[in-house]
Amino acid sequence: MKKTEFKRDTDPADTPRKGRAARPRLSATLILLRGDPHNPQVLMGKRAAGHGFMPSKCVFPGGKAERSDAFAPLASDFSTQTQSILARHLPAKRARAAGTAAIRETFEETGLILAKPCAPPRNKGPKGWDGFTSRGLGADLNALQITARAITPPYHPKRFDAWFFMARGDDLIDLPECAASSELEDLAWYHFEETKTLDLPAITSIVLDEVQKRLVDPSRPIPFYAMKHGHHQRDWL
C-alpha cells in the first residue's frame, strides 16, 4: 500500500529544535485488552509529572529496551507472523528485546505479568528479570501481536523507535490487581469511548484508533508512523 501523509493535533512537545537530531532508542509498549472482544477495556496510566518525556500524559505501559532484554527468559517465542514482520526491520536480538521490553516494562509499571512457566536459567538471570526468574516464569512472546510502529519526530530532544504490541489480559498470570508505580500513576481499565476524555499524546490517540480497527479487521496492514521530509507520514510494515 502507498504511503499516506497524515495530520495530527498539535502536541506540546512539537517545538523545533536546532542541531543534529537525536538517534531513536528502541522501545516497546504493551496494549492490554480485557473483557468483551468487541468492546474491550484497555489498560492505561498517567506518566509522572517529573518525566522528561510526555509528563502527565495518559499512556500504555512501556519503555525503552535494555541490553539485558535480548537475553530474557522465554516461555514462548513470537508467532510466525510476528517474527516475519520483525525480521524485516530488526536484527533477531533487537526484535527479541523489543518484545521482552514491552513485557518487562509492563510488569515494572503495573505488576501484571505476561508470562508462562519455563525452565530456570542455568546461570543468574539477566538484569531486570528477577521478578520472572524467581517465579520460574519466562516472557510469553507468542501472546504479542504487532499493532503499530512509530518513530518520534527529529525535533524532539528524546526520540524512540516505538513498537506497539497488543495482548489479551486473559494471557496474564492470575491477572492480579494493578499496582501503580512511580513511573505510571492512576492505572485504570477504560472502554475506548472513555479514553477520549483523557490527556493523551497524539500518537497514543492514533494507535488507539488503530486498535479498534484491528479488532474489526485483524488482517489490516500494520502502520508505521514517522516524519519524512518535514511531514508526518504513515507507511506500512
Foldseek 3Di string as FASTA:
>chain_A
DDKFFDDWDDDPQPDFDDDFFDDAAAKEAEWEWEDDLQWTWTKWFAFDQPDPPRHRAIFGFMDGFDLLQLQFFAPAAADPVLVVVVVVPDPPSSSSRHLSRNQLRCCVFWVWHLWDADAADPDDHTPSRCVANVVNITHHNHQWDWAAWEWDARRGNHIHGYTYIYGYCVSIDVSDGTDGDNGTHDIDIGTLVVCVPGRHGGVRVVSSVSVSVCSVPVPDFHWYWYDDPNTIMIDGD
